[in-house]
Amino acid sequence: MSIDKTEAIETFDEFLMLMDGQIDWLTDEAKKNNITLDNKPDTPEKLEKLFDAMSKGLSEEDKTSLIIIFGRYLGEFVRLSHGGKWVLPLDDEKSVNFNIPVITGHSKIDGLEFAPIRLMRAYALRDGEGTLRRAIENHINPQALDPSKEIAQEDSSNKS
């Protein structure tokens, strides 16, 4: 999949320029739903509640637009709370986050990408309470996997 990187960067710059206006709009919509978006620790739960309320009955196209707006807010919440910056990965076309705005520098793991739009899309599909909180926690404080524990557990299960 070959893309015009100059055009992709221009689109990303526009994404960043529209950020404040869309976040302000979402904050106003939250107030209409008696929710205060204020970047406090309970923001992920508030975003889930607000998304559930606002996405009911929307067409797929409108829901996709809403996912992007919520992804912007979620990304800004992580960036402001944990550090990092918005970037547009364009180096590896096989990357799952290729040409999708992500946050990097938010974790002790160098190069870890937090993809808030992808996360909001997953939430929209599964609607699992606590999804956003768990995903943020997994990115901020990632736990290394120890395959030897998994292998040992499988071995003991196979012997039973």
C-alpha atoms as a PDB file:
ATOM      1  CA  MET A   1       0.000   0.000   0.000  1.00  0.00           C
ATOM      2  CA  SER A   2       1.882   3.018  -1.238  1.00  0.00           C
ATOM      3  CA  ILE A   3       0.792   6.411   0.018  1.00  0.00           C
ATOM      4  CA  ASP A   4       1.868   9.942  -0.684  1.00  0.00           C
ATOM      5  CA  LYS A   5       3.768  10.763   2.517  1.00  0.00           C
ATOM      6  CA  THR A   6       3.583  14.518   1.898  1.00  0.00           C
ATOM      7  CA  GLU A   7      -0.197  14.288   1.647  1.00  0.00           C
ATOM      8  CA  ALA A   8      -0.333  12.061   4.738  1.00  0.00           C
ATOM      9  CA  ILE A   9       1.670  14.613   6.733  1.00  0.00           C
ATOM     10  CA  GLU A  10      -0.613  17.426   5.541  1.00  0.00           C
ATOM     11  CA  THR A  11      -3.655  15.409   6.643  1.00  0.00           C
ATOM     12  CA  PHE A  12      -1.983  14.756  10.019  1.00  0.00           C
ATOM     13  CA  ASP A  13      -1.237  18.475  10.428  1.00  0.00           C
ATOM     14  CA  GLU A  14      -4.913  19.198   9.731  1.00  0.00           C
ATOM     15  CA  PHE A  15      -5.859  16.524  12.284  1.00  0.00           C
ATOM     16  CA  LEU A  16      -3.780  18.400  14.876  1.00  0.00           C
ATOM     17  CA  MET A  17      -5.141  21.825  13.877  1.00  0.00           C
ATOM     18  CA  LEU A  18      -8.749  20.642  14.282  1.00  0.00           C
ATOM     19  CA  MET A  19      -8.000  19.053  17.665  1.00  0.00           C
ATOM     20  CA  ASP A  20      -8.881  21.990  19.953  1.00  0.00           C
ATOM     21  CA  GLY A  21     -12.156  22.758  18.220  1.00  0.00           C
ATOM     22  CA  GLN A  22     -13.318  19.154  18.287  1.00  0.00           C
ATOM     23  CA  ILE A  23     -12.296  18.726  21.926  1.00  0.00           C
ATOM     24  CA  ASP A  24     -14.224  21.892  22.809  1.00  0.00           C
ATOM     25  CA  TRP A  25     -17.259  20.559  20.926  1.00  0.00           C
ATOM     26  CA  LEU A  26     -17.041  17.219  22.756  1.00  0.00           C
ATOM     27  CA  THR A  27     -16.716  18.984  26.116  1.00  0.00           C
ATOM     28  CA  ASP A  28     -19.876  20.981  25.320  1.00  0.00           C
ATOM     29  CA  GLU A  29     -21.732  17.813  24.269  1.00  0.00           C
ATOM     30  CA  ALA A  30     -20.651  16.153  27.516  1.00  0.00           C
ATOM     31  CA  LYS A  31     -22.217  19.005  29.514  1.00  0.00           C
ATOM     32  CA  LYS A  32     -25.501  18.423  27.660  1.00  0.00           C
ATOM     33  CA  ASN A  33     -25.289  14.822  28.926  1.00  0.00           C
ATOM     34  CA  ASN A  34     -24.477  15.944  32.501  1.00  0.00           C
ATOM     35  CA  ILE A  35     -20.872  14.771  32.195  1.00  0.00           C
ATOM     36  CA  THR A  36     -17.888  16.987  32.927  1.00  0.00           C
ATOM     37  CA  LEU A  37     -14.811  16.237  30.836  1.00  0.00           C
ATOM     38  CA  ASP A  38     -11.940  17.765  32.776  1.00  0.00           C
ATOM     39  CA  ASN A  39      -8.932  15.439  32.286  1.00  0.00           C
ATOM     40  CA  LYS A  40      -9.246  14.083  35.827  1.00  0.00           C
ATOM     41  CA  PRO A  41      -8.417  10.437  36.598  1.00  0.00           C
ATOM     42  CA  ASP A  42     -12.012   9.279  35.937  1.00  0.00           C
ATOM     43  CA  THR A  43     -11.927  10.557  32.346  1.00  0.00           C
ATOM     44  CA  PRO A  44     -11.831   7.080  30.709  1.00  0.00           C
ATOM     45  CA  GLU A  45     -15.057   6.056  32.454  1.00  0.00           C
ATOM     46  CA  LYS A  46     -16.698   9.372  31.547  1.00  0.00           C
ATOM     47  CA  LEU A  47     -15.683   8.936  27.910  1.00  0.00           C
ATOM     48  CA  GLU A  48     -17.218   5.458  27.803  1.00  0.00           C
ATOM     49  CA  LYS A  49     -20.473   6.714  29.310  1.00  0.00           C
ATOM     50  CA  LEU A  50     -20.595   9.689  26.944  1.00  0.00           C
ATOM     51  CA  PHE A  51     -19.771   7.615  23.875  1.00  0.00           C
ATOM     52  CA  ASP A  52     -22.528   5.148  24.752  1.00  0.00           C
ATOM     53  CA  ALA A  53     -25.026   8.004  25.060  1.00  0.00           C
ATOM     54  CA  MET A  54     -23.961   9.878  21.928  1.00  0.00           C
ATOM     55  CA  SER A  55     -23.518   6.904  19.584  1.00  0.00           C
ATOM     56  CA  LYS A  56     -26.982   5.382  20.022  1.00  0.00           C
ATOM     57  CA  GLY A  57     -28.846   5.284  16.742  1.00  0.00           C
ATOM     58  CA  LEU A  58     -26.052   6.848  14.659  1.00  0.00           C
ATOM     59  CA  SER A  59     -25.266   5.712  11.142  1.00  0.00           C
ATOM     60  CA  GLU A  60     -21.922   3.962  10.688  1.00  0.00           C
ATOM     61  CA  GLU A  61     -20.513   7.073   9.003  1.00  0.00           C
ATOM     62  CA  ASP A  62     -21.548   9.340  11.878  1.00  0.00           C
ATOM     63  CA  LYS A  63     -20.297   6.803  14.430  1.00  0.00           C
ATOM     64  CA  THR A  64     -16.914   6.722  12.659  1.00  0.00           C
ATOM     65  CA  SER A  65     -16.679  10.528  12.898  1.00  0.00           C
ATOM     66  CA  LEU A  66     -17.564  10.336  16.580  1.00  0.00           C
ATOM     67  CA  ILE A  67     -14.906   7.661  17.160  1.00  0.00           C
ATOM     68  CA  ILE A  68     -12.254   9.995  15.729  1.00  0.00           C
ATOM     69  CA  ILE A  69     -13.366  12.899  17.930  1.00  0.00           C
ATOM     70  CA  PHE A  70     -13.370  10.689  21.026  1.00  0.00           C
ATOM     71  CA  GLY A  71      -9.990   9.293  19.983  1.00  0.00           C
ATOM     72  CA  ARG A  72      -8.607  12.820  19.869  1.00  0.00           C
ATOM     73  CA  TYR A  73      -9.862  13.514  23.376  1.00  0.00           C
ATOM     74  CA  LEU A  74      -8.576  10.184  24.677  1.00  0.00           C
ATOM     75  CA  GLY A  75      -5.165  10.767  23.099  1.00  0.00           C
ATOM     76  CA  GLU A  76      -4.943  14.240  24.606  1.00  0.00           C
ATOM     77  CA  PHE A  77      -5.930  12.846  28.002  1.00  0.00           C
ATOM     78  CA  VAL A  78      -3.071  10.329  27.842  1.00  0.00           C
ATOM     79  CA  ARG A  79      -0.618  12.917  26.503  1.00  0.00           C
ATOM     80  CA  LEU A  80      -1.473  15.489  29.166  1.00  0.00           C
ATOM     81  CA  SER A  81      -1.607  12.938  31.993  1.00  0.00           C
ATOM     82  CA  HIS A  82       1.426  10.825  31.101  1.00  0.00           C
ATOM     83  CA  GLY A  83       3.494  12.833  28.653  1.00  0.00           C
ATOM     84  CA  GLY A  84       4.327  12.095  25.079  1.00  0.00           C
ATOM     85  CA  LYS A  85       3.390  13.598  21.754  1.00  0.00           C
ATOM     86  CA  TRP A  86       1.231  12.935  18.735  1.00  0.00           C
ATOM     87  CA  VAL A  87       3.087  11.333  15.836  1.00  0.00           C
ATOM     88  CA  LEU A  88       2.147   9.811  12.499  1.00  0.00           C
ATOM     89  CA  PRO A  89       3.960   6.497  11.906  1.00  0.00           C
ATOM     90  CA  LEU A  90       4.984   6.370   8.251  1.00  0.00           C
ATOM     91  CA  ASP A  91       8.172   4.291   8.350  1.00  0.00           C
ATOM     92  CA  ASP A  92       6.777   0.752   8.343  1.00  0.00           C
ATOM     93  CA  GLU A  93       3.878   0.106   5.981  1.00  0.00           C
ATOM     94  CA  LYS A  94       3.285  -3.260   7.690  1.00  0.00           C
ATOM     95  CA  SER A  95       2.759  -1.648  11.101  1.00  0.00           C
ATOM     96  CA  VAL A  96      -0.770  -1.905  12.481  1.00  0.00           C
ATOM     97  CA  ASN A  97      -0.578   1.838  13.221  1.00  0.00           C
ATOM     98  CA  PHE A  98       0.799   2.869   9.829  1.00  0.00           C
ATOM     99  CA  ASN A  99      -0.596   6.298   8.876  1.00  0.00           C
ATOM    100  CA  ILE A 100      -2.780   6.483  12.006  1.00  0.00           C
ATOM    101  CA  PRO A 101      -2.151   9.233  14.594  1.00  0.00           C
ATOM    102  CA  VAL A 102      -0.685   7.794  17.807  1.00  0.00           C
ATOM    103  CA  ILE A 103       0.862   9.010  21.051  1.00  0.00           C
ATOM    104  CA  THR A 104       4.478   8.075  21.806  1.00  0.00           C
ATOM    105  CA  GLY A 105       6.705   8.936  24.749  1.00  0.00           C
ATOM    106  CA  HIS A 106       3.982   8.207  27.308  1.00  0.00           C
ATOM    107  CA  SER A 107       5.609   5.041  28.640  1.00  0.00           C
ATOM    108  CA  LYS A 108       8.961   3.808  29.881  1.00  0.00           C
ATOM    109  CA  ILE A 109       9.032   1.563  26.788  1.00  0.00           C
ATOM    110  CA  ASP A 110      10.714   3.553  24.031  1.00  0.00           C
ATOM    111  CA  GLY A 111       8.684   3.643  20.831  1.00  0.00           C
ATOM    112  CA  LEU A 112       5.485   2.210  22.329  1.00  0.00           C
ATOM    113  CA  GLU A 113       2.525   3.606  20.381  1.00  0.00           C
ATOM    114  CA  PHE A 114      -0.809   4.387  22.029  1.00  0.00           C
ATOM    115  CA  ALA A 115      -3.466   4.404  19.293  1.00  0.00           C
ATOM    116  CA  PRO A 116      -6.486   6.201  20.793  1.00  0.00           C
ATOM    117  CA  ILE A 117      -8.598   6.148  17.622  1.00  0.00           C
ATOM    118  CA  ARG A 118      -8.041   2.405  17.233  1.00  0.00           C
ATOM    119  CA  LEU A 119      -8.906   1.965  20.913  1.00  0.00           C
ATOM    120  CA  MET A 120     -12.136   3.959  20.557  1.00  0.00           C
ATOM    121  CA  ARG A 121     -13.041   1.869  17.505  1.00  0.00           C
ATOM    122  CA  ALA A 122     -12.505  -1.297  19.573  1.00  0.00           C
ATOM    123  CA  TYR A 123     -14.647   0.128  22.363  1.00  0.00           C
ATOM    124  CA  ALA A 124     -17.407   0.980  19.883  1.00  0.00           C
ATOM    125  CA  LEU A 125     -17.418  -2.610  18.629  1.00  0.00           C
ATOM    126  CA  ARG A 126     -17.308  -4.332  22.012  1.00  0.00           C
ATOM    127  CA  ASP A 127     -18.736  -1.737  24.411  1.00  0.00           C
ATOM    128  CA  GLY A 128     -16.957  -3.315  27.397  1.00  0.00           C
ATOM    129  CA  GLU A 129     -17.039  -1.252  30.564  1.00  0.00           C
ATOM    130  CA  GLY A 130     -13.508  -0.450  31.710  1.00  0.00           C
ATOM    131  CA  THR A 131     -11.952  -1.054  28.281  1.00  0.00           C
ATOM    132  CA  LEU A 132     -10.383   2.408  28.047  1.00  0.00           C
ATOM    133  CA  ARG A 133      -8.977   2.316  31.597  1.00  0.00           C
ATOM    134  CA  ARG A 134      -7.404  -1.135  31.089  1.00  0.00           C
ATOM    135  CA  ALA A 135      -5.879  -0.150  27.753  1.00  0.00           C
ATOM    136  CA  ILE A 136      -4.376   3.044  29.166  1.00  0.00           C
ATOM    137  CA  GLU A 137      -2.969   1.179  32.168  1.00  0.00           C
ATOM    138  CA  ASN A 138      -1.468  -1.479  29.887  1.00  0.00           C
ATOM    139  CA  HIS A 139       0.281   1.230  27.877  1.00  0.00           C
ATOM    140  CA  ILE A 140       1.477   3.328  30.793  1.00  0.00           C
ATOM    141  CA  ASN A 141       2.701   0.400  32.888  1.00  0.00           C
ATOM    142  CA  PRO A 142       3.236  -2.459  30.446  1.00  0.00           C
ATOM    143  CA  GLN A 143       4.062  -5.846  31.920  1.00  0.00           C
ATOM    144  CA  ALA A 144       6.626  -8.025  30.207  1.00  0.00           C
ATOM    145  CA  LEU A 145       5.334 -11.415  29.178  1.00  0.00           C
ATOM    146  CA  ASP A 146       7.246 -14.416  30.454  1.00  0.00           C
ATOM    147  CA  PRO A 147       6.704 -17.195  27.907  1.00  0.00           C
ATOM    148  CA  SER A 148       8.284 -19.772  30.240  1.00  0.00           C
ATOM    149  CA  LYS A 149       5.312 -19.370  32.622  1.00  0.00           C
ATOM    150  CA  GLU A 150       2.875 -19.939  29.770  1.00  0.00           C
ATOM    151  CA  ILE A 151       4.774 -23.004  28.604  1.00  0.00           C
ATOM    152  CA  ALA A 152       4.905 -24.423  32.134  1.00  0.00           C
ATOM    153  CA  GLN A 153       1.189 -23.850  32.551  1.00  0.00           C
ATOM    154  CA  GLU A 154       0.437 -25.562  29.219  1.00  0.00           C
ATOM    155  CA  ASP A 155       2.685 -28.490  30.148  1.00  0.00           C
ATOM    156  CA  SER A 156       0.907 -29.008  33.468  1.00  0.00           C
ATOM    157  CA  SER A 157      -2.491 -28.796  31.740  1.00  0.00           C
ATOM    158  CA  ASN A 158      -1.461 -31.381  29.153  1.00  0.00           C
ATOM    159  CA  LYS A 159      -0.315 -33.809  31.865  1.00  0.00           C
ATOM    160  CA  SER A 160      -3.643 -33.602  33.713  1.00  0.00           C
END
